[in-house]
Amino acid sequence: MIMSQAFDHMDEANRLSVWNGYVDWRNRRALRGRHGGMLAASFVLGVEVLENLAFLANASNLVLYLSTKMGFSPSGAANAVTAFMGTAFFLALLGGFLADAFFTTFHIYLVSAAIEFLGLMVLTVQAHEHSTEPWSRVVLFVGLYLVALGVGGIKGSLPPHGAEQFDNETPSGRRQRSFFFNYFIFSLSCGALVAVTVVVWLEDNKGWSYGFGVSTAAILISVPVFLAGSRFYRLKVPSGSPITTLFKVLTAACYAKCKRRRTSSNAVTCHTRNDGDDNENKRNSDGDEGILGSFLDEVVRARESLPQPLWCTEEQLEDVKIVIKILPIFMSTIMLNCCLAQLSTFSVQQASTMNTKLGSFTVPPAALPVFPVVFTMILAPTYNHFLLPLAQKATKTETGITHLQRIGTGLILSIVAMVVAALVETKRKHVLLSCCSSNNSSSYSSSPLPITFLWVAIQYVFLGSADLFTLAGMMEFFFTEAPSTMRSLATSLSWASLAMGYYLSSVLVSAVNFVTGLNQHNPWLSGKNLNQYHLEKFYWLMCVLSGINFLHYLFWASRYVYRSNQG
């Protein structure tokens, strides 16, 4: 009897010491106290510094490389860059899906890093050859999109890999996870700082092959740094395709709805059933789910009449409801990222026409993002250690500021940034006109305008602040609200929002040129150089669209009910 009780106590102790649903890098059970925690996540933060350095070192200056070295027009270079960055961020969904469904985030990162390394090697060779022949452009785009595939896998696996190191069941674990997401943005900024200063200087003064070479070395070094934390990581066990579950529930709901309509031929029965269903629908609409809940609940009401392959559990049904409810929030953030796309395209070209000297030092236009980067590096720890505790005391809640409030703050800051951008471009045009001897603004395009590039830096600071609030808020919101079986995929929505913002930017440029070019008018964003563009009008259009988008966001955010602990 005594021996039996002893074994029971041992089993209970073993059960409590094991992380359920997690394994270590050797596929053994992950243990509490040995795996996970801030130490494991710190390796992820270090890797992100190197990974973002490798990515942004090229992306921040790519528009100038394409326009000055590869013979692209300003708008053509801008579209090529936004398409490349959009593809890279959009492929994060693929990385997140594979991490949730079939592999762990650990393995997805390693494979993706190898692919990015290969792409950067191709770009380094292409830049060294320095040819504008068609074959060189083919090699360029092969390298770029290999990099995009690798970056997508890393972005889709690295943030959830770090976030999974914390215990969601304890307040301290949730608090540390929130700190992690903010410091993840801090790590992004650290890598970006080196990218837009040291690497951009190398590209402008030593050659583009040097810049690509530094990026190649950075991604190569990130692999042993990541592997150094292997014995501390806890890895979420893949649970099958979340996309399959989503389509299964939606298909079952559609099948049940259609079958119910076909079998309601009896008028009396139909009347009776509709009365009951109306009452039930009314109860549903009084809750948070409304029409969505009524539609999906058909799966429960008609379960016995469904084909067996379409049978769904209550947990699967609730998971799909959660995913559908967070999609409007995701859609509301796309416009902000469309504004952010201007940082790496038109804003860099604006600065290249202005006086970029600080005393005797000439600042490369592609180094402009240093302003929001430094500001973010200051703001991230300030938010964690000063603003957040004050908000927690003021609101008496665990989070202080909810995830949706953070996202909303970022949306407001993006609107302010676009207003500033429009005013600065108007001022730049006035300086241009005053310097020109005629109305042909292109006559002054060969020399810098007598206006400091620091005016453009103002919009960078606002957009950088918006990025901190929104990106960190989105990643934590999607991770905490999503079902545990699809956290990597849901977190990747943050990057997918960036991707769709870049794609939308390309579409807007083309659409604006088409509409404004009707009736033989000059398109707003067309000409031999930026001085012939009507960029200020484009920025005002972005202000209006961002304002409408914010109202759309308020509509959904005010109705959202959290499933996680926000109180």
Protein backbone atom coordinates (compact mmCIF):
# COMPACT_ATOMS: atom_id res chain seq x y z
CA MET A 1 0.00 0.00 0.00
CA ILE A 2 2.79 2.37 0.95
CA MET A 3 4.70 1.50 -2.22
CA SER A 4 1.57 2.15 -4.32
CA GLN A 5 1.08 5.58 -2.78
CA ALA A 6 4.73 6.39 -3.38
CA PHE A 7 4.44 5.49 -7.06
CA ASP A 8 1.26 7.58 -7.32
CA HIS A 9 3.11 10.59 -5.87
CA MET A 10 5.98 10.02 -8.29
CA ASP A 11 3.59 9.87 -11.25
CA GLU A 12 1.90 13.07 -10.11
CA ALA A 13 5.27 14.81 -9.74
CA ASN A 14 6.34 13.68 -13.20
CA ARG A 15 3.08 14.86 -14.68
CA LEU A 16 3.42 18.30 -13.12
CA SER A 17 7.04 18.65 -14.29
CA VAL A 18 6.22 17.99 -17.96
CA TRP A 19 5.02 20.61 -20.46
CA ASN A 20 1.98 18.97 -22.02
CA GLY A 21 1.98 19.20 -25.82
CA TYR A 22 5.66 20.24 -25.98
CA VAL A 23 8.91 18.45 -26.76
CA ASP A 24 12.56 19.43 -26.79
CA TRP A 25 14.71 19.65 -29.93
CA ARG A 26 15.43 15.89 -29.71
CA ASN A 27 11.71 15.12 -29.65
CA ARG A 28 11.73 14.17 -25.96
CA ARG A 29 9.23 15.48 -23.43
CA ALA A 30 9.87 19.11 -22.49
CA LEU A 31 10.34 19.63 -18.74
CA ARG A 32 9.36 22.56 -16.55
CA GLY A 33 12.34 24.41 -15.16
CA ARG A 34 14.59 23.09 -17.91
CA HIS A 35 12.85 24.17 -21.12
CA GLY A 36 11.22 27.46 -22.00
CA GLY A 37 11.34 30.81 -20.24
CA MET A 38 13.09 34.09 -20.96
CA LEU A 39 16.51 32.47 -21.38
CA ALA A 40 15.25 30.38 -24.31
CA ALA A 41 13.47 33.40 -25.82
CA SER A 42 16.63 35.53 -25.55
CA PHE A 43 18.30 33.40 -28.24
CA VAL A 44 15.35 34.18 -30.53
CA LEU A 45 15.84 37.90 -29.91
CA GLY A 46 19.53 37.64 -30.78
CA VAL A 47 18.76 35.73 -33.98
CA GLU A 48 16.20 38.34 -35.02
CA VAL A 49 18.84 41.08 -34.85
CA LEU A 50 20.97 39.21 -37.40
CA GLU A 51 18.05 38.08 -39.57
CA ASN A 52 16.53 41.56 -39.86
CA LEU A 53 19.97 43.02 -40.55
CA ALA A 54 20.32 40.61 -43.49
CA PHE A 55 16.86 41.43 -44.84
CA LEU A 56 16.69 45.21 -44.37
CA ALA A 57 20.28 45.88 -45.43
CA ASN A 58 19.13 45.22 -48.97
CA ALA A 59 15.45 46.16 -48.80
CA SER A 60 16.12 49.67 -47.46
CA ASN A 61 18.45 50.59 -50.33
CA LEU A 62 17.07 48.31 -53.04
CA VAL A 63 14.97 51.04 -54.68
CA LEU A 64 18.12 53.08 -55.38
CA TYR A 65 20.02 50.03 -56.62
CA LEU A 66 17.27 49.23 -59.12
CA SER A 67 16.91 52.82 -60.33
CA THR A 68 20.60 53.82 -60.49
CA LYS A 69 22.35 50.55 -61.33
CA MET A 70 19.76 48.37 -63.06
CA GLY A 71 18.00 51.04 -65.17
CA PHE A 72 14.51 50.95 -63.57
CA SER A 73 12.29 54.06 -63.58
CA PRO A 74 11.42 55.55 -60.15
CA SER A 75 7.90 54.11 -60.15
CA GLY A 76 9.14 50.82 -61.65
CA ALA A 77 11.77 50.49 -58.94
CA ALA A 78 9.18 51.34 -56.26
CA ASN A 79 6.80 48.68 -57.57
CA ALA A 80 9.57 46.08 -57.79
CA VAL A 81 10.59 46.73 -54.16
CA THR A 82 7.03 46.64 -52.82
CA ALA A 83 6.35 43.42 -54.75
CA PHE A 84 9.51 41.82 -53.34
CA MET A 85 8.83 42.86 -49.75
CA GLY A 86 5.15 42.02 -50.05
CA THR A 87 5.99 38.52 -51.27
CA ALA A 88 8.50 38.01 -48.45
CA PHE A 89 5.98 38.95 -45.77
CA PHE A 90 3.11 37.10 -47.42
CA LEU A 91 5.14 33.87 -47.48
CA ALA A 92 5.21 34.07 -43.67
CA LEU A 93 1.77 32.43 -43.86
CA LEU A 94 3.39 29.41 -45.49
CA GLY A 95 6.00 29.21 -42.74
CA GLY A 96 3.38 29.53 -40.02
CA PHE A 97 1.14 26.92 -41.64
CA LEU A 98 3.94 24.37 -41.95
CA ALA A 99 5.02 24.98 -38.33
CA ASP A 100 1.49 24.37 -37.04
CA ALA A 101 0.63 21.45 -39.28
CA PHE A 102 3.66 19.29 -39.99
CA PHE A 103 6.96 20.58 -38.61
CA THR A 104 8.09 22.53 -35.58
CA THR A 105 9.09 26.20 -35.63
CA PHE A 106 12.63 24.99 -34.87
CA HIS A 107 12.94 23.08 -38.14
CA ILE A 108 11.13 25.69 -40.24
CA TYR A 109 13.63 28.34 -39.15
CA LEU A 110 16.67 26.24 -40.06
CA VAL A 111 15.37 25.37 -43.54
CA SER A 112 14.29 28.97 -44.20
CA ALA A 113 17.67 30.36 -43.12
CA ALA A 114 19.39 28.03 -45.60
CA ILE A 115 17.10 29.24 -48.42
CA GLU A 116 17.72 32.91 -47.59
CA PHE A 117 21.47 32.27 -47.46
CA LEU A 118 21.32 30.76 -50.96
CA GLY A 119 19.36 33.75 -52.29
CA LEU A 120 21.83 36.23 -50.80
CA MET A 121 24.73 34.34 -52.38
CA VAL A 122 23.03 34.70 -55.78
CA LEU A 123 22.52 38.46 -55.21
CA THR A 124 26.15 38.90 -54.16
CA VAL A 125 27.40 37.26 -57.36
CA GLN A 126 24.95 39.28 -59.49
CA ALA A 127 26.04 42.58 -57.89
CA HIS A 128 29.72 41.68 -58.39
CA GLU A 129 29.18 41.05 -62.12
CA HIS A 130 27.22 44.33 -62.36
CA SER A 131 25.50 43.93 -65.72
CA THR A 132 22.28 45.46 -67.02
CA GLU A 133 21.75 42.70 -69.58
CA PRO A 134 18.42 40.80 -69.47
CA TRP A 135 20.11 37.71 -68.04
CA SER A 136 21.39 39.81 -65.13
CA ARG A 137 17.86 40.92 -64.32
CA VAL A 138 16.76 37.28 -64.34
CA VAL A 139 19.52 36.38 -61.87
CA LEU A 140 18.59 39.41 -59.77
CA PHE A 141 14.97 38.36 -59.43
CA VAL A 142 15.85 34.71 -58.79
CA GLY A 143 18.04 35.84 -55.89
CA LEU A 144 15.46 38.29 -54.60
CA TYR A 145 12.65 35.76 -54.49
CA LEU A 146 14.81 33.05 -52.94
CA VAL A 147 15.49 35.62 -50.22
CA ALA A 148 11.75 36.34 -50.04
CA LEU A 149 10.98 32.63 -49.55
CA GLY A 150 13.57 32.33 -46.79
CA VAL A 151 12.47 35.53 -45.07
CA GLY A 152 8.86 34.38 -45.17
CA GLY A 153 9.67 31.10 -43.46
CA ILE A 154 11.70 32.87 -40.79
CA LYS A 155 9.06 35.53 -40.12
CA GLY A 156 6.40 32.83 -39.88
CA SER A 157 8.33 30.66 -37.42
CA LEU A 158 10.62 32.83 -35.29
CA PRO A 159 8.09 35.05 -33.38
CA PRO A 160 5.80 32.13 -32.41
CA HIS A 161 8.88 30.06 -31.53
CA GLY A 162 9.88 32.70 -29.00
CA ALA A 163 6.33 33.27 -27.72
CA GLU A 164 5.83 29.54 -27.12
CA GLN A 165 8.59 29.60 -24.49
CA PHE A 166 6.24 31.21 -21.93
CA ASP A 167 3.53 29.69 -19.76
CA ASN A 168 0.13 31.03 -20.81
CA GLU A 169 -1.49 29.77 -17.60
CA THR A 170 0.32 32.11 -15.20
CA PRO A 171 0.28 35.94 -14.95
CA SER A 172 4.08 36.03 -14.88
CA GLY A 173 4.25 33.92 -18.05
CA ARG A 174 1.80 36.19 -19.86
CA ARG A 175 3.66 39.28 -18.67
CA GLN A 176 6.99 37.90 -19.88
CA ARG A 177 5.43 37.01 -23.23
CA SER A 178 4.19 40.59 -23.63
CA PHE A 179 7.72 41.81 -22.83
CA PHE A 180 9.06 39.39 -25.44
CA PHE A 181 6.89 40.82 -28.23
CA ASN A 182 8.00 44.37 -27.42
CA TYR A 183 11.65 43.35 -27.28
CA PHE A 184 11.17 41.45 -30.53
CA ILE A 185 10.40 44.82 -32.13
CA PHE A 186 13.47 46.19 -30.30
CA SER A 187 15.58 43.41 -31.90
CA LEU A 188 14.09 44.22 -35.30
CA SER A 189 15.22 47.80 -34.77
CA CYS A 190 18.74 46.80 -33.67
CA GLY A 191 19.23 44.85 -36.88
CA ALA A 192 17.71 47.66 -38.90
CA LEU A 193 20.06 50.22 -37.29
CA VAL A 194 23.15 48.38 -38.49
CA ALA A 195 21.51 47.77 -41.87
CA VAL A 196 20.63 51.40 -42.63
CA THR A 197 23.93 52.82 -41.37
CA VAL A 198 26.93 50.52 -41.77
CA VAL A 199 25.66 48.34 -44.61
CA VAL A 200 24.11 51.22 -46.56
CA TRP A 201 27.40 53.14 -46.26
CA LEU A 202 29.27 50.11 -47.62
CA GLU A 203 26.84 49.85 -50.56
CA ASP A 204 27.17 53.53 -51.43
CA ASN A 205 30.94 53.80 -50.98
CA LYS A 206 32.47 50.36 -51.50
CA GLY A 207 30.03 48.64 -53.82
CA TRP A 208 26.77 46.74 -53.71
CA SER A 209 28.48 43.36 -53.56
CA TYR A 210 29.85 44.38 -50.12
CA GLY A 211 26.35 45.06 -48.83
CA PHE A 212 25.02 41.75 -50.09
CA GLY A 213 28.09 40.04 -48.64
CA VAL A 214 27.43 41.44 -45.16
CA SER A 215 23.83 40.25 -45.38
CA THR A 216 25.02 36.79 -46.38
CA ALA A 217 27.40 36.65 -43.43
CA ALA A 218 24.70 37.85 -41.00
CA ILE A 219 22.20 35.13 -41.93
CA LEU A 220 24.97 32.53 -41.78
CA ILE A 221 25.99 33.61 -38.25
CA SER A 222 22.36 33.55 -37.10
CA VAL A 223 22.18 29.76 -37.51
CA PRO A 224 24.76 28.82 -34.82
CA VAL A 225 23.29 31.51 -32.53
CA PHE A 226 19.88 29.88 -32.92
CA LEU A 227 21.28 26.38 -32.39
CA ALA A 228 23.08 27.54 -29.22
CA GLY A 229 19.70 27.75 -27.49
CA SER A 230 18.53 24.30 -28.61
CA ARG A 231 18.75 22.64 -25.20
CA PHE A 232 16.57 25.36 -23.66
CA TYR A 233 13.75 25.44 -26.24
CA ARG A 234 10.36 23.85 -25.79
CA LEU A 235 8.71 23.07 -29.13
CA LYS A 236 4.98 22.91 -29.76
CA VAL A 237 4.00 19.53 -31.19
CA PRO A 238 2.37 19.98 -34.64
CA SER A 239 -1.31 19.08 -34.54
CA GLY A 240 -2.28 18.74 -38.19
CA SER A 241 -3.44 21.24 -40.76
CA PRO A 242 -5.50 24.11 -39.28
CA ILE A 243 -6.67 24.96 -42.80
CA THR A 244 -8.27 21.51 -43.04
CA THR A 245 -10.22 22.15 -39.84
CA LEU A 246 -11.34 25.56 -41.07
CA PHE A 247 -12.65 24.28 -44.39
CA LYS A 248 -14.18 21.22 -42.76
CA VAL A 249 -16.30 23.30 -40.38
CA LEU A 250 -17.35 25.80 -43.07
CA THR A 251 -18.23 22.98 -45.48
CA ALA A 252 -20.24 21.21 -42.78
CA ALA A 253 -22.12 24.44 -41.98
CA CYS A 254 -22.95 25.07 -45.65
CA TYR A 255 -24.05 21.44 -46.10
CA ALA A 256 -26.29 21.56 -43.02
CA LYS A 257 -27.83 24.89 -44.07
CA CYS A 258 -28.59 23.70 -47.61
CA LYS A 259 -29.99 20.37 -46.40
CA ARG A 260 -32.23 22.09 -43.88
CA ARG A 261 -33.71 24.31 -46.61
CA ARG A 262 -34.37 21.32 -48.88
CA THR A 263 -36.16 19.34 -46.18
CA SER A 264 -38.44 22.18 -45.03
CA SER A 265 -41.18 21.51 -47.61
CA ASN A 266 -43.93 20.88 -45.06
CA ALA A 267 -45.51 24.25 -44.32
CA VAL A 268 -46.63 23.45 -40.79
CA THR A 269 -43.34 21.84 -39.87
CA CYS A 270 -41.48 24.65 -41.51
CA HIS A 271 -43.47 27.23 -39.54
CA THR A 272 -42.84 25.43 -36.27
CA ARG A 273 -39.15 25.02 -36.93
CA ASN A 274 -38.68 28.58 -38.03
CA ASP A 275 -40.32 29.85 -34.86
CA GLY A 276 -37.92 27.82 -32.79
CA ASP A 277 -34.97 28.78 -34.95
CA ASP A 278 -35.93 32.46 -34.91
CA ASN A 279 -35.87 32.42 -31.13
CA GLU A 280 -32.54 30.65 -31.16
CA ASN A 281 -31.11 33.03 -33.75
CA LYS A 282 -32.32 35.94 -31.67
CA ARG A 283 -30.49 34.56 -28.66
CA ASN A 284 -27.37 34.18 -30.76
CA SER A 285 -27.60 37.66 -32.19
CA ASP A 286 -27.92 39.04 -28.68
CA GLY A 287 -24.48 37.57 -27.97
CA ASP A 288 -21.18 38.31 -29.54
CA GLU A 289 -21.44 35.85 -32.40
CA GLY A 290 -24.66 37.01 -34.11
CA ILE A 291 -25.16 35.78 -37.65
CA LEU A 292 -21.79 34.01 -37.62
CA GLY A 293 -22.73 31.95 -34.57
CA SER A 294 -26.15 31.10 -36.00
CA PHE A 295 -24.60 29.91 -39.26
CA LEU A 296 -21.87 27.78 -37.69
CA ASP A 297 -24.20 26.35 -35.03
CA GLU A 298 -26.00 24.54 -37.85
CA VAL A 299 -23.15 22.04 -37.56
CA VAL A 300 -24.21 21.19 -34.00
CA ARG A 301 -27.93 21.11 -34.65
CA ALA A 302 -27.62 18.91 -37.71
CA ARG A 303 -24.69 16.76 -36.60
CA GLU A 304 -26.51 13.43 -36.89
CA SER A 305 -27.58 14.14 -40.46
CA LEU A 306 -24.07 15.09 -41.62
CA PRO A 307 -21.81 12.65 -43.46
CA GLN A 308 -19.26 11.23 -41.05
CA PRO A 309 -16.26 12.97 -42.71
CA LEU A 310 -17.94 16.31 -41.88
CA TRP A 311 -18.50 15.62 -38.19
CA CYS A 312 -16.92 18.39 -36.11
CA THR A 313 -16.21 18.70 -32.41
CA GLU A 314 -17.32 21.65 -30.30
CA GLU A 315 -13.68 22.68 -29.94
CA GLN A 316 -13.20 22.78 -33.71
CA LEU A 317 -16.35 24.86 -34.08
CA GLU A 318 -15.20 27.38 -31.48
CA ASP A 319 -11.74 27.57 -33.06
CA VAL A 320 -13.23 28.52 -36.43
CA LYS A 321 -15.44 31.17 -34.81
CA ILE A 322 -12.36 32.74 -33.22
CA VAL A 323 -10.44 32.80 -36.50
CA ILE A 324 -13.32 34.44 -38.38
CA LYS A 325 -13.77 37.04 -35.64
CA ILE A 326 -10.13 38.21 -35.81
CA LEU A 327 -10.12 38.58 -39.60
CA PRO A 328 -11.80 42.06 -39.64
CA ILE A 329 -9.07 43.31 -37.27
CA PHE A 330 -6.46 41.90 -39.63
CA MET A 331 -8.07 43.60 -42.64
CA SER A 332 -8.13 46.94 -40.80
CA THR A 333 -4.33 47.00 -40.42
CA ILE A 334 -3.53 46.66 -44.13
CA MET A 335 -3.90 50.37 -44.88
CA LEU A 336 -1.37 51.29 -42.17
CA ASN A 337 1.17 48.97 -43.78
CA CYS A 338 0.43 50.56 -47.14
CA CYS A 339 1.61 53.81 -45.53
CA LEU A 340 4.71 52.05 -44.17
CA ALA A 341 5.55 50.94 -47.70
CA GLN A 342 6.30 54.57 -48.53
CA LEU A 343 9.30 54.47 -46.16
CA SER A 344 11.28 52.25 -48.52
CA THR A 345 10.13 53.79 -51.82
CA PHE A 346 9.05 57.39 -52.42
CA SER A 347 10.41 58.77 -49.13
CA VAL A 348 13.93 57.55 -49.94
CA GLN A 349 13.66 59.13 -53.39
CA GLN A 350 12.41 62.38 -51.82
CA ALA A 351 15.44 62.54 -49.56
CA SER A 352 17.79 61.89 -52.49
CA THR A 353 16.68 65.22 -54.05
CA MET A 354 17.35 67.19 -50.85
CA ASN A 355 20.39 68.37 -48.93
CA THR A 356 21.55 65.31 -47.00
CA LYS A 357 24.51 66.91 -45.26
CA LEU A 358 24.86 67.09 -41.49
CA GLY A 359 27.82 69.42 -41.08
CA SER A 360 30.60 67.92 -43.19
CA PHE A 361 29.06 64.44 -43.22
CA THR A 362 26.79 63.36 -46.08
CA VAL A 363 23.99 61.02 -44.98
CA PRO A 364 22.95 58.39 -47.58
CA PRO A 365 19.22 58.76 -48.33
CA ALA A 366 18.66 55.05 -47.61
CA ALA A 367 19.91 55.70 -44.04
CA LEU A 368 16.83 57.82 -43.28
CA PRO A 369 15.08 54.96 -41.41
CA VAL A 370 17.71 55.41 -38.69
CA PHE A 371 15.40 58.03 -37.13
CA PRO A 372 12.38 55.76 -36.48
CA VAL A 373 14.74 52.88 -35.67
CA VAL A 374 16.51 54.80 -32.89
CA PHE A 375 13.19 56.17 -31.66
CA THR A 376 11.75 52.64 -31.54
CA MET A 377 14.81 51.35 -29.66
CA ILE A 378 14.16 54.02 -27.03
CA LEU A 379 10.38 53.63 -26.99
CA ALA A 380 10.24 49.80 -26.70
CA PRO A 381 12.00 49.50 -23.30
CA THR A 382 10.34 52.72 -22.14
CA TYR A 383 6.96 51.19 -22.88
CA ASN A 384 7.85 47.94 -21.10
CA HIS A 385 9.32 49.39 -17.94
CA PHE A 386 7.58 52.75 -17.49
CA LEU A 387 4.45 53.26 -19.60
CA LEU A 388 3.04 49.75 -19.12
CA PRO A 389 3.30 49.74 -15.29
CA LEU A 390 1.63 53.16 -15.19
CA ALA A 391 -1.19 51.92 -17.42
CA GLN A 392 -1.62 48.81 -15.27
CA LYS A 393 -1.95 50.94 -12.14
CA ALA A 394 -4.36 53.33 -13.82
CA THR A 395 -6.62 50.64 -15.32
CA LYS A 396 -6.04 47.97 -12.62
CA THR A 397 -5.81 45.32 -15.34
CA GLU A 398 -3.13 42.77 -16.19
CA THR A 399 -2.34 44.21 -19.61
CA GLY A 400 -2.79 47.92 -18.84
CA ILE A 401 -3.43 48.75 -22.49
CA THR A 402 -5.35 46.17 -24.48
CA HIS A 403 -3.99 44.80 -27.72
CA LEU A 404 -6.67 46.53 -29.77
CA GLN A 405 -5.95 49.88 -28.10
CA ARG A 406 -2.29 49.51 -29.11
CA ILE A 407 -3.25 48.75 -32.69
CA GLY A 408 -5.64 51.72 -32.76
CA THR A 409 -2.88 54.03 -31.49
CA GLY A 410 -0.68 52.90 -34.36
CA LEU A 411 -3.43 53.59 -36.89
CA ILE A 412 -3.84 57.16 -35.60
CA LEU A 413 -0.08 57.76 -35.76
CA SER A 414 -0.02 56.54 -39.37
CA ILE A 415 -2.64 59.13 -40.33
CA VAL A 416 -0.56 61.87 -38.67
CA ALA A 417 2.51 60.61 -40.57
CA MET A 418 0.75 60.88 -43.93
CA VAL A 419 -0.40 64.43 -43.12
CA VAL A 420 3.19 65.36 -42.28
CA ALA A 421 4.43 63.66 -45.48
CA ALA A 422 1.98 65.66 -47.61
CA LEU A 423 2.98 68.96 -45.97
CA VAL A 424 6.72 68.22 -46.31
CA GLU A 425 6.36 67.33 -50.00
CA THR A 426 4.42 70.57 -50.55
CA LYS A 427 7.25 72.50 -48.89
CA ARG A 428 9.84 70.65 -51.02
CA LYS A 429 7.95 71.57 -54.18
CA HIS A 430 7.84 75.25 -53.16
CA VAL A 431 11.61 75.23 -52.67
CA LEU A 432 12.01 73.53 -56.04
CA LEU A 433 9.89 76.13 -57.83
CA SER A 434 11.76 78.99 -56.21
CA CYS A 435 15.07 77.52 -57.43
CA CYS A 436 14.00 76.93 -61.00
CA SER A 437 14.44 79.56 -63.64
CA SER A 438 11.40 78.24 -65.52
CA ASN A 439 8.29 76.15 -64.86
CA ASN A 440 10.13 73.01 -65.96
CA SER A 441 10.99 71.47 -62.60
CA SER A 442 13.29 68.88 -64.16
CA SER A 443 15.90 71.57 -64.88
CA TYR A 444 16.93 71.51 -61.24
CA SER A 445 16.96 67.74 -60.88
CA SER A 446 20.74 67.31 -61.14
CA SER A 447 21.69 69.00 -57.85
CA PRO A 448 20.29 68.76 -54.31
CA LEU A 449 17.62 71.24 -53.30
CA PRO A 450 18.51 73.76 -50.56
CA ILE A 451 16.23 72.08 -48.04
CA THR A 452 17.42 69.63 -45.39
CA PHE A 453 16.36 66.01 -45.57
CA LEU A 454 15.47 66.19 -41.85
CA TRP A 455 12.00 67.37 -42.90
CA VAL A 456 11.40 63.91 -44.37
CA ALA A 457 12.71 62.36 -41.15
CA ILE A 458 9.65 63.68 -39.29
CA GLN A 459 7.27 61.37 -41.14
CA TYR A 460 9.69 58.49 -40.50
CA VAL A 461 9.45 59.04 -36.74
CA PHE A 462 5.64 58.97 -36.79
CA LEU A 463 5.50 55.90 -39.00
CA GLY A 464 8.15 54.15 -36.90
CA SER A 465 6.10 54.78 -33.76
CA ALA A 466 2.99 53.49 -35.52
CA ASP A 467 4.89 50.35 -36.49
CA LEU A 468 5.95 49.69 -32.87
CA PHE A 469 2.44 50.01 -31.49
CA THR A 470 0.72 48.13 -34.28
CA LEU A 471 3.14 45.31 -35.11
CA ALA A 472 3.78 44.32 -31.48
CA GLY A 473 0.07 44.66 -30.72
CA MET A 474 -0.91 42.57 -33.74
CA MET A 475 1.55 39.76 -33.01
CA GLU A 476 0.49 39.47 -29.38
CA PHE A 477 -3.21 39.82 -30.25
CA PHE A 478 -3.16 37.11 -32.92
CA PHE A 479 -1.00 34.77 -30.82
CA THR A 480 -3.08 35.03 -27.67
CA GLU A 481 -6.50 35.04 -29.32
CA ALA A 482 -5.87 32.23 -31.82
CA PRO A 483 -6.53 28.57 -30.98
CA SER A 484 -3.42 26.75 -29.75
CA THR A 485 -3.43 24.59 -32.89
CA MET A 486 -2.89 27.54 -35.21
CA ARG A 487 -0.84 30.08 -33.28
CA SER A 488 2.04 30.21 -35.75
CA LEU A 489 -0.33 30.73 -38.67
CA ALA A 490 -2.29 33.39 -36.78
CA THR A 491 0.86 35.25 -35.74
CA SER A 492 1.90 35.23 -39.39
CA LEU A 493 -1.15 37.36 -40.13
CA SER A 494 0.89 40.28 -38.77
CA TRP A 495 3.38 39.81 -41.60
CA ALA A 496 0.62 39.06 -44.11
CA SER A 497 -0.86 42.45 -43.24
CA LEU A 498 2.50 44.01 -44.12
CA ALA A 499 2.54 42.06 -47.37
CA MET A 500 -0.92 43.16 -48.38
CA GLY A 501 0.02 46.73 -47.47
CA TYR A 502 2.95 46.58 -49.88
CA TYR A 503 0.79 45.01 -52.59
CA LEU A 504 -1.89 47.64 -52.01
CA SER A 505 0.75 50.34 -52.36
CA SER A 506 1.72 48.97 -55.79
CA VAL A 507 -1.93 48.76 -56.84
CA LEU A 508 -2.61 52.30 -55.63
CA VAL A 509 0.35 53.69 -57.59
CA SER A 510 -0.88 52.01 -60.77
CA ALA A 511 -4.52 52.94 -60.15
CA VAL A 512 -3.70 56.58 -59.38
CA ASN A 513 -1.61 56.85 -62.53
CA PHE A 514 -4.41 55.31 -64.59
CA VAL A 515 -7.17 57.54 -63.22
CA THR A 516 -5.17 60.78 -63.20
CA GLY A 517 -3.80 60.05 -66.67
CA LEU A 518 -7.24 59.96 -68.29
CA ASN A 519 -8.17 62.62 -70.86
CA GLN A 520 -4.50 63.13 -71.74
CA HIS A 521 -3.60 64.56 -68.32
CA ASN A 522 -0.20 63.94 -66.78
CA PRO A 523 -0.41 61.10 -64.22
CA TRP A 524 0.43 62.07 -60.63
CA LEU A 525 3.23 59.52 -60.26
CA SER A 526 4.86 59.53 -63.67
CA GLY A 527 7.84 61.35 -65.11
CA LYS A 528 11.58 61.20 -65.61
CA ASN A 529 12.26 62.06 -61.97
CA LEU A 530 10.46 62.73 -58.70
CA ASN A 531 10.29 66.47 -59.30
CA GLN A 532 7.71 65.89 -62.03
CA TYR A 533 5.50 63.82 -59.71
CA HIS A 534 2.49 65.14 -57.75
CA LEU A 535 3.51 63.18 -54.69
CA GLU A 536 1.81 65.57 -52.27
CA LYS A 537 -1.59 64.77 -53.83
CA PHE A 538 -0.90 61.07 -53.49
CA TYR A 539 -0.07 61.53 -49.80
CA TRP A 540 -3.31 63.46 -49.21
CA LEU A 541 -5.18 60.60 -50.83
CA MET A 542 -3.45 58.23 -48.40
CA CYS A 543 -4.62 60.44 -45.51
CA VAL A 544 -8.24 60.17 -46.61
CA LEU A 545 -8.05 56.41 -47.13
CA SER A 546 -6.35 55.95 -43.74
CA GLY A 547 -9.08 57.96 -42.02
CA ILE A 548 -11.81 55.83 -43.58
CA ASN A 549 -9.90 52.70 -42.60
CA PHE A 550 -9.68 53.89 -38.97
CA LEU A 551 -13.46 54.26 -38.80
CA HIS A 552 -13.74 50.71 -40.16
CA TYR A 553 -11.33 49.52 -37.45
CA LEU A 554 -13.31 51.25 -34.69
CA PHE A 555 -16.48 49.50 -35.84
CA TRP A 556 -14.96 46.03 -35.38
CA ALA A 557 -12.69 46.73 -32.41
CA SER A 558 -15.54 48.18 -30.31
CA ARG A 559 -17.51 44.94 -30.81
CA TYR A 560 -14.71 42.47 -30.23
CA VAL A 561 -14.82 40.34 -27.08
CA TYR A 562 -11.49 38.86 -25.96
CA ARG A 563 -11.15 35.18 -25.25
CA SER A 564 -7.82 35.68 -23.47
CA ASN A 565 -7.14 37.45 -20.18
CA GLN A 566 -7.36 41.19 -20.81
CA GLY A 567 -8.70 42.13 -17.43
